[in-house]
Each structure stands twice: as C-alpha cells, then as structure tokens.
Amino acid sequence: MSGFFMSVIIIHHRKKCIGCHYCVDVAPDFFYMDEQDGKASLLNSTPKKGIFTVKILNQFADTARQAQAVCPMKIIDVRLL
C-alpha cells in the first residue's frame, strides 16, 4: 500500500503559542486564531493536558508540515502514525 494513504498526526503545544499567526497563514485548513486569547488553535483536535492532536491522511500533510516549518516556537509537530 502506498504511503500516500497513511495517517499522520498533528501535535500542537498550544500553551506555548505566541500568536504570531504564521501557522494560520500557511495552513488555514488546520489552524485558526482564537479571538479570546489570541493564540492559534488546531481545528477538530482533541486536547490532553494542553497538547492538541488531530489525525489526518498523509495526502493532506504537506500543508501541516509547512505550518510546522514556519512556527518560530517549534510547537507544531507532524508525525507519521
């Protein structure tokens, strides 16, 4: 089976977010700015102790990896499952 259909997980350490907006600029399908506290939030994610995760198909992961690359705080991680 092709790696194209494998799943990846996006991990977002939201507590450490500084609200720079870069992840939202490059990956609006995955991130949005929360108007209440000015931090980025991961769409459709599951929280656990301040860390938010969501599983997606690898075919959509390039955009998430771009968000990972531009984050100055290095709080976004995209991993193969």
PDB file of N, CA and C in Angstrom:
ATOM      1  N   MET A   1       0.843  -1.186   0.000  1.00  0.00           N
ATOM      2  CA  MET A   1       0.000   0.000   0.000  1.00  0.00           C
ATOM      3  C   MET A   1       0.884   1.244   0.000  1.00  0.00           C
ATOM      4  N   SER A   2       0.507   2.224  -0.723  1.00  0.00           N
ATOM      5  CA  SER A   2       1.261   3.464  -0.847  1.00  0.00           C
ATOM      6  C   SER A   2       1.256   4.257   0.446  1.00  0.00           C
ATOM      7  N   GLY A   3       2.371   4.948   0.756  1.00  0.00           N
ATOM      8  CA  GLY A   3       2.462   5.818   1.910  1.00  0.00           C
ATOM      9  C   GLY A   3       1.543   7.013   1.796  1.00  0.00           C
ATOM     10  N   PHE A   4       1.016   7.224   0.602  1.00  0.00           N
ATOM     11  CA  PHE A   4       0.126   8.347   0.340  1.00  0.00           C
ATOM     12  C   PHE A   4      -1.114   8.294   1.218  1.00  0.00           C
ATOM     13  N   PHE A   5      -1.591   7.084   1.537  1.00  0.00           N
ATOM     14  CA  PHE A   5      -2.819   6.939   2.303  1.00  0.00           C
ATOM     15  C   PHE A   5      -2.574   6.649   3.785  1.00  0.00           C
ATOM     16  N   MET A   6      -1.344   6.725   4.215  1.00  0.00           N
ATOM     17  CA  MET A   6      -1.038   6.535   5.624  1.00  0.00           C
ATOM     18  C   MET A   6      -1.543   7.734   6.416  1.00  0.00           C
ATOM     19  N   SER A   7      -1.745   7.536   7.691  1.00  0.00           N
ATOM     20  CA  SER A   7      -2.192   8.627   8.549  1.00  0.00           C
ATOM     21  C   SER A   7      -1.005   9.325   9.195  1.00  0.00           C
ATOM     22  N   VAL A   8      -1.205  10.585   9.476  1.00  0.00           N
ATOM     23  CA  VAL A   8      -0.245  11.356  10.250  1.00  0.00           C
ATOM     24  C   VAL A   8      -1.005  12.007  11.390  1.00  0.00           C
ATOM     25  N   ILE A   9      -0.255  12.428  12.384  1.00  0.00           N
ATOM     26  CA  ILE A   9      -0.852  13.142  13.499  1.00  0.00           C
ATOM     27  C   ILE A   9      -0.207  14.521  13.586  1.00  0.00           C
ATOM     28  N   ILE A  10      -1.037  15.526  13.777  1.00  0.00           N
ATOM     29  CA  ILE A  10      -0.548  16.873  14.017  1.00  0.00           C
ATOM     30  C   ILE A  10      -0.634  17.098  15.522  1.00  0.00           C
ATOM     31  N   ILE A  11       0.473  17.522  16.104  1.00  0.00           N
ATOM     32  CA  ILE A  11       0.545  17.777  17.542  1.00  0.00           C
ATOM     33  C   ILE A  11       0.826  19.265  17.731  1.00  0.00           C
ATOM     34  N   HIS A  12       0.007  19.911  18.547  1.00  0.00           N
ATOM     35  CA  HIS A  12       0.143  21.361  18.759  1.00  0.00           C
ATOM     36  C   HIS A  12       0.219  21.642  20.259  1.00  0.00           C
ATOM     37  N   HIS A  13       1.344  22.179  20.704  1.00  0.00           N
ATOM     38  CA  HIS A  13       1.551  22.550  22.105  1.00  0.00           C
ATOM     39  C   HIS A  13       1.041  23.984  22.284  1.00  0.00           C
ATOM     40  N   ARG A  14      -0.248  24.114  22.387  1.00  0.00           N
ATOM     41  CA  ARG A  14      -0.922  25.409  22.338  1.00  0.00           C
ATOM     42  C   ARG A  14      -0.498  26.369  23.447  1.00  0.00           C
ATOM     43  N   LYS A  15      -0.212  25.862  24.637  1.00  0.00           N
ATOM     44  CA  LYS A  15       0.168  26.724  25.764  1.00  0.00           C
ATOM     45  C   LYS A  15       1.369  27.600  25.428  1.00  0.00           C
ATOM     46  N   LYS A  16       2.247  27.104  24.577  1.00  0.00           N
ATOM     47  CA  LYS A  16       3.474  27.821  24.243  1.00  0.00           C
ATOM     48  C   LYS A  16       3.317  28.761  23.042  1.00  0.00           C
ATOM     49  N   CYS A  17       2.114  28.833  22.476  1.00  0.00           N
ATOM     50  CA  CYS A  17       1.858  29.664  21.304  1.00  0.00           C
ATOM     51  C   CYS A  17       2.016  31.143  21.660  1.00  0.00           C
ATOM     52  N   ILE A  18       2.668  31.908  20.775  1.00  0.00           N
ATOM     53  CA  ILE A  18       2.832  33.352  20.978  1.00  0.00           C
ATOM     54  C   ILE A  18       1.889  34.164  20.093  1.00  0.00           C
ATOM     55  N   GLY A  19       1.064  33.490  19.306  1.00  0.00           N
ATOM     56  CA  GLY A  19       0.073  34.178  18.486  1.00  0.00           C
ATOM     57  C   GLY A  19       0.634  34.903  17.284  1.00  0.00           C
ATOM     58  N   CYS A  20       1.685  34.385  16.691  1.00  0.00           N
ATOM     59  CA  CYS A  20       2.333  35.055  15.553  1.00  0.00           C
ATOM     60  C   CYS A  20       1.512  34.967  14.268  1.00  0.00           C
ATOM     61  N   HIS A  21       0.603  33.998  14.186  1.00  0.00           N
ATOM     62  CA  HIS A  21      -0.315  33.853  13.059  1.00  0.00           C
ATOM     63  C   HIS A  21       0.298  33.115  11.858  1.00  0.00           C
ATOM     64  N   TYR A  22       1.561  32.729  11.907  1.00  0.00           N
ATOM     65  CA  TYR A  22       2.207  32.093  10.755  1.00  0.00           C
ATOM     66  C   TYR A  22       1.530  30.785  10.361  1.00  0.00           C
ATOM     67  N   CYS A  23       1.178  29.949  11.349  1.00  0.00           N
ATOM     68  CA  CYS A  23       0.561  28.658  11.028  1.00  0.00           C
ATOM     69  C   CYS A  23      -0.783  28.858  10.326  1.00  0.00           C
ATOM     70  N   VAL A  24      -1.523  29.853  10.751  1.00  0.00           N
ATOM     71  CA  VAL A  24      -2.817  30.146  10.132  1.00  0.00           C
ATOM     72  C   VAL A  24      -2.623  30.644   8.706  1.00  0.00           C
ATOM     73  N   ASP A  25      -1.582  31.446   8.490  1.00  0.00           N
ATOM     74  CA  ASP A  25      -1.297  31.965   7.147  1.00  0.00           C
ATOM     75  C   ASP A  25      -1.008  30.847   6.155  1.00  0.00           C
ATOM     76  N   VAL A  26      -0.228  29.836   6.570  1.00  0.00           N
ATOM     77  CA  VAL A  26       0.168  28.774   5.635  1.00  0.00           C
ATOM     78  C   VAL A  26      -0.745  27.558   5.675  1.00  0.00           C
ATOM     79  N   ALA A  27      -1.499  27.375   6.762  1.00  0.00           N
ATOM     80  CA  ALA A  27      -2.337  26.176   6.892  1.00  0.00           C
ATOM     81  C   ALA A  27      -3.711  26.512   7.488  1.00  0.00           C
ATOM     82  N   PRO A  28      -4.492  27.358   6.814  1.00  0.00           N
ATOM     83  CA  PRO A  28      -5.802  27.723   7.364  1.00  0.00           C
ATOM     84  C   PRO A  28      -6.795  26.561   7.418  1.00  0.00           C
ATOM     85  N   ASP A  29      -6.504  25.473   6.736  1.00  0.00           N
ATOM     86  CA  ASP A  29      -7.367  24.295   6.821  1.00  0.00           C
ATOM     87  C   ASP A  29      -7.176  23.555   8.142  1.00  0.00           C
ATOM     88  N   PHE A  30      -6.081  23.867   8.842  1.00  0.00           N
ATOM     89  CA  PHE A  30      -5.775  23.178  10.100  1.00  0.00           C
ATOM     90  C   PHE A  30      -5.751  24.096  11.315  1.00  0.00           C
ATOM     91  N   PHE A  31      -5.421  25.366  11.121  1.00  0.00           N
ATOM     92  CA  PHE A  31      -5.265  26.284  12.248  1.00  0.00           C
ATOM     93  C   PHE A  31      -6.123  27.528  12.092  1.00  0.00           C
ATOM     94  N   TYR A  32      -6.562  28.075  13.204  1.00  0.00           N
ATOM     95  CA  TYR A  32      -7.275  29.354  13.229  1.00  0.00           C
ATOM     96  C   TYR A  32      -6.837  30.107  14.476  1.00  0.00           C
ATOM     97  N   MET A  33      -7.020  31.414  14.473  1.00  0.00           N
ATOM     98  CA  MET A  33      -6.673  32.227  15.627  1.00  0.00           C
ATOM     99  C   MET A  33      -7.886  32.337  16.547  1.00  0.00           C
ATOM    100  N   ASP A  34      -7.694  32.009  17.801  1.00  0.00           N
ATOM    101  CA  ASP A  34      -8.751  32.114  18.793  1.00  0.00           C
ATOM    102  C   ASP A  34      -8.842  33.575  19.232  1.00  0.00           C
ATOM    103  N   GLU A  35      -9.983  34.177  19.031  1.00  0.00           N
ATOM    104  CA  GLU A  35     -10.159  35.589  19.350  1.00  0.00           C
ATOM    105  C   GLU A  35     -10.128  35.866  20.850  1.00  0.00           C
ATOM    106  N   GLN A  36     -10.399  34.864  21.664  1.00  0.00           N
ATOM    107  CA  GLN A  36     -10.429  35.069  23.120  1.00  0.00           C
ATOM    108  C   GLN A  36      -9.040  35.291  23.708  1.00  0.00           C
ATOM    109  N   ASP A  37      -8.061  34.518  23.258  1.00  0.00           N
ATOM    110  CA  ASP A  37      -6.724  34.670  23.848  1.00  0.00           C
ATOM    111  C   ASP A  37      -5.632  34.986  22.830  1.00  0.00           C
ATOM    112  N   GLY A  38      -5.977  35.071  21.544  1.00  0.00           N
ATOM    113  CA  GLY A  38      -5.002  35.446  20.532  1.00  0.00           C
ATOM    114  C   GLY A  38      -4.008  34.361  20.163  1.00  0.00           C
ATOM    115  N   LYS A  39      -4.286  33.126  20.549  1.00  0.00           N
ATOM    116  CA  LYS A  39      -3.397  32.009  20.216  1.00  0.00           C
ATOM    117  C   LYS A  39      -3.997  31.183  19.090  1.00  0.00           C
ATOM    118  N   ALA A  40      -3.125  30.475  18.392  1.00  0.00           N
ATOM    119  CA  ALA A  40      -3.578  29.577  17.334  1.00  0.00           C
ATOM    120  C   ALA A  40      -4.205  28.335  17.947  1.00  0.00           C
ATOM    121  N   SER A  41      -5.214  27.823  17.269  1.00  0.00           N
ATOM    122  CA  SER A  41      -5.872  26.589  17.690  1.00  0.00           C
ATOM    123  C   SER A  41      -5.899  25.627  16.515  1.00  0.00           C
ATOM    124  N   LEU A  42      -5.791  24.349  16.824  1.00  0.00           N
ATOM    125  CA  LEU A  42      -5.807  23.287  15.830  1.00  0.00           C
ATOM    126  C   LEU A  42      -7.245  22.822  15.640  1.00  0.00           C
ATOM    127  N   LEU A  43      -7.747  22.952  14.425  1.00  0.00           N
ATOM    128  CA  LEU A  43      -9.130  22.586  14.121  1.00  0.00           C
ATOM    129  C   LEU A  43      -9.392  21.096  14.361  1.00  0.00           C
ATOM    130  N   ASN A  44     -10.573  20.791  14.876  1.00  0.00           N
ATOM    131  CA  ASN A  44     -11.046  19.414  15.077  1.00  0.00           C
ATOM    132  C   ASN A  44     -10.098  18.575  15.918  1.00  0.00           C
ATOM    133  N   SER A  45      -9.376  19.209  16.826  1.00  0.00           N
ATOM    134  CA  SER A  45      -8.381  18.484  17.617  1.00  0.00           C
ATOM    135  C   SER A  45      -8.945  18.002  18.941  1.00  0.00           C
ATOM    136  N   THR A  46      -8.205  17.075  19.534  1.00  0.00           N
ATOM    137  CA  THR A  46      -8.530  16.539  20.838  1.00  0.00           C
ATOM    138  C   THR A  46      -7.486  17.042  21.829  1.00  0.00           C
ATOM    139  N   PRO A  47      -7.925  17.709  22.912  1.00  0.00           N
ATOM    140  CA  PRO A  47      -6.956  18.211  23.892  1.00  0.00           C
ATOM    141  C   PRO A  47      -6.625  17.179  24.962  1.00  0.00           C
ATOM    142  N   LYS A  48      -5.375  17.238  25.413  1.00  0.00           N
ATOM    143  CA  LYS A  48      -4.952  16.424  26.549  1.00  0.00           C
ATOM    144  C   LYS A  48      -3.781  17.134  27.206  1.00  0.00           C
ATOM    145  N   LYS A  49      -4.024  17.694  28.383  1.00  0.00           N
ATOM    146  CA  LYS A  49      -3.003  18.402  29.162  1.00  0.00           C
ATOM    147  C   LYS A  49      -2.335  19.521  28.366  1.00  0.00           C
ATOM    148  N   GLY A  50      -3.122  20.303  27.658  1.00  0.00           N
ATOM    149  CA  GLY A  50      -2.585  21.445  26.922  1.00  0.00           C
ATOM    150  C   GLY A  50      -1.970  21.118  25.579  1.00  0.00           C
ATOM    151  N   ILE A  51      -2.005  19.854  25.203  1.00  0.00           N
ATOM    152  CA  ILE A  51      -1.483  19.427  23.901  1.00  0.00           C
ATOM    153  C   ILE A  51      -2.675  18.973  23.072  1.00  0.00           C
ATOM    154  N   PHE A  52      -2.766  19.513  21.870  1.00  0.00           N
ATOM    155  CA  PHE A  52      -3.902  19.217  20.995  1.00  0.00           C
ATOM    156  C   PHE A  52      -3.426  18.360  19.825  1.00  0.00           C
ATOM    157  N   THR A  53      -4.202  17.350  19.478  1.00  0.00           N
ATOM    158  CA  THR A  53      -3.821  16.453  18.387  1.00  0.00           C
ATOM    159  C   THR A  53      -5.000  16.204  17.459  1.00  0.00           C
ATOM    160  N   VAL A  54      -4.651  15.925  16.202  1.00  0.00           N
ATOM    161  CA  VAL A  54      -5.652  15.519  15.225  1.00  0.00           C
ATOM    162  C   VAL A  54      -4.967  14.587  14.226  1.00  0.00           C
ATOM    163  N   LYS A  55      -5.672  13.550  13.830  1.00  0.00           N
ATOM    164  CA  LYS A  55      -5.163  12.624  12.823  1.00  0.00           C
ATOM    165  C   LYS A  55      -5.707  13.027  11.459  1.00  0.00           C
ATOM    166  N   ILE A  56      -4.826  12.988  10.460  1.00  0.00           N
ATOM    167  CA  ILE A  56      -5.233  13.302   9.085  1.00  0.00           C
ATOM    168  C   ILE A  56      -4.559  12.307   8.157  1.00  0.00           C
ATOM    169  N   LEU A  57      -5.034  12.241   6.924  1.00  0.00           N
ATOM    170  CA  LEU A  57      -4.383  11.407   5.925  1.00  0.00           C
ATOM    171  C   LEU A  57      -3.097  12.081   5.451  1.00  0.00           C
ATOM    172  N   ASN A  58      -2.102  11.295   5.174  1.00  0.00           N
ATOM    173  CA  ASN A  58      -0.805  11.803   4.742  1.00  0.00           C
ATOM    174  C   ASN A  58      -0.927  12.682   3.498  1.00  0.00           C
ATOM    175  N   GLN A  59      -1.888  12.428   2.658  1.00  0.00           N
ATOM    176  CA  GLN A  59      -2.027  13.210   1.427  1.00  0.00           C
ATOM    177  C   GLN A  59      -2.320  14.681   1.708  1.00  0.00           C
ATOM    178  N   PHE A  60      -2.767  15.006   2.932  1.00  0.00           N
ATOM    179  CA  PHE A  60      -3.058  16.389   3.306  1.00  0.00           C
ATOM    180  C   PHE A  60      -1.983  16.989   4.216  1.00  0.00           C
ATOM    181  N   ALA A  61      -0.927  16.241   4.476  1.00  0.00           N
ATOM    182  CA  ALA A  61       0.051  16.640   5.486  1.00  0.00           C
ATOM    183  C   ALA A  61       1.039  17.708   5.035  1.00  0.00           C
ATOM    184  N   ASP A  62       1.213  17.936   3.745  1.00  0.00           N
ATOM    185  CA  ASP A  62       2.189  18.926   3.294  1.00  0.00           C
ATOM    186  C   ASP A  62       1.907  20.308   3.869  1.00  0.00           C
ATOM    187  N   THR A  63       0.665  20.692   3.890  1.00  0.00           N
ATOM    188  CA  THR A  63       0.305  21.995   4.432  1.00  0.00           C
ATOM    189  C   THR A  63       0.606  22.058   5.929  1.00  0.00           C
ATOM    190  N   ALA A  64       0.300  20.991   6.645  1.00  0.00           N
ATOM    191  CA  ALA A  64       0.602  20.949   8.083  1.00  0.00           C
ATOM    192  C   ALA A  64       2.106  21.016   8.317  1.00  0.00           C
ATOM    193  N   ARG A  65       2.879  20.375   7.460  1.00  0.00           N
ATOM    194  CA  ARG A  65       4.341  20.430   7.585  1.00  0.00           C
ATOM    195  C   ARG A  65       4.869  21.842   7.320  1.00  0.00           C
ATOM    196  N   GLN A  66       4.202  22.582   6.458  1.00  0.00           N
ATOM    197  CA  GLN A  66       4.584  23.975   6.230  1.00  0.00           C
ATOM    198  C   GLN A  66       4.357  24.793   7.504  1.00  0.00           C
ATOM    199  N   ALA A  67       3.249  24.546   8.183  1.00  0.00           N
ATOM    200  CA  ALA A  67       2.983  25.230   9.450  1.00  0.00           C
ATOM    201  C   ALA A  67       4.049  24.873  10.478  1.00  0.00           C
ATOM    202  N   GLN A  68       4.446  23.620  10.505  1.00  0.00           N
ATOM    203  CA  GLN A  68       5.496  23.176  11.412  1.00  0.00           C
ATOM    204  C   GLN A  68       6.793  23.923  11.116  1.00  0.00           C
ATOM    205  N   ALA A  69       7.109  24.080   9.847  1.00  0.00           N
ATOM    206  CA  ALA A  69       8.361  24.719   9.451  1.00  0.00           C
ATOM    207  C   ALA A  69       8.403  26.212   9.794  1.00  0.00           C
ATOM    208  N   VAL A  70       7.270  26.902   9.701  1.00  0.00           N
ATOM    209  CA  VAL A  70       7.281  28.353   9.925  1.00  0.00           C
ATOM    210  C   VAL A  70       7.079  28.751  11.385  1.00  0.00           C
ATOM    211  N   CYS A  71       6.689  27.838  12.234  1.00  0.00           N
ATOM    212  CA  CYS A  71       6.419  28.178  13.638  1.00  0.00           C
ATOM    213  C   CYS A  71       7.722  28.556  14.353  1.00  0.00           C
ATOM    214  N   PRO A  72       7.835  29.810  14.815  1.00  0.00           N
ATOM    215  CA  PRO A  72       9.069  30.228  15.480  1.00  0.00           C
ATOM    216  C   PRO A  72       9.264  29.575  16.849  1.00  0.00           C
ATOM    217  N   MET A  73       8.193  29.102  17.454  1.00  0.00           N
ATOM    218  CA  MET A  73       8.278  28.464  18.765  1.00  0.00           C
ATOM    219  C   MET A  73       8.501  26.959  18.670  1.00  0.00           C
ATOM    220  N   LYS A  74       8.408  26.408  17.458  1.00  0.00           N
ATOM    221  CA  LYS A  74       8.592  24.962  17.218  1.00  0.00           C
ATOM    222  C   LYS A  74       7.646  24.132  18.088  1.00  0.00           C
ATOM    223  N   ILE A  75       6.358  24.541  18.092  1.00  0.00           N
ATOM    224  CA  ILE A  75       5.361  23.849  18.922  1.00  0.00           C
ATOM    225  C   ILE A  75       4.380  23.024  18.095  1.00  0.00           C
ATOM    226  N   ILE A  76       4.660  22.875  16.803  1.00  0.00           N
ATOM    227  CA  ILE A  76       3.834  22.051  15.924  1.00  0.00           C
ATOM    228  C   ILE A  76       4.691  20.886  15.454  1.00  0.00           C
ATOM    229  N   ASP A  77       4.151  19.691  15.580  1.00  0.00           N
ATOM    230  CA  ASP A  77       4.873  18.502  15.139  1.00  0.00           C
ATOM    231  C   ASP A  77       3.934  17.675  14.261  1.00  0.00           C
ATOM    232  N   VAL A  78       4.426  17.212  13.144  1.00  0.00           N
ATOM    233  CA  VAL A  78       3.658  16.385  12.217  1.00  0.00           C
ATOM    234  C   VAL A  78       4.396  15.060  12.104  1.00  0.00           C
ATOM    235  N   ARG A  79       3.756  13.968  12.512  1.00  0.00           N
ATOM    236  CA  ARG A  79       4.408  12.650  12.563  1.00  0.00           C
ATOM    237  C   ARG A  79       3.566  11.604  11.838  1.00  0.00           C
ATOM    238  N   LEU A  80       4.248  10.678  11.196  1.00  0.00           N
ATOM    239  CA  LEU A  80       3.580   9.501  10.622  1.00  0.00           C
ATOM    240  C   LEU A  80       3.119   8.603  11.758  1.00  0.00           C
ATOM    241  N   LEU A  81       1.972   7.999  11.569  1.00  0.00           N
ATOM    242  CA  LEU A  81       1.465   7.035  12.553  1.00  0.00           C
ATOM    243  C   LEU A  81       1.838   5.631  12.164  1.00  0.00           C
TER     244      LEU A  81
END
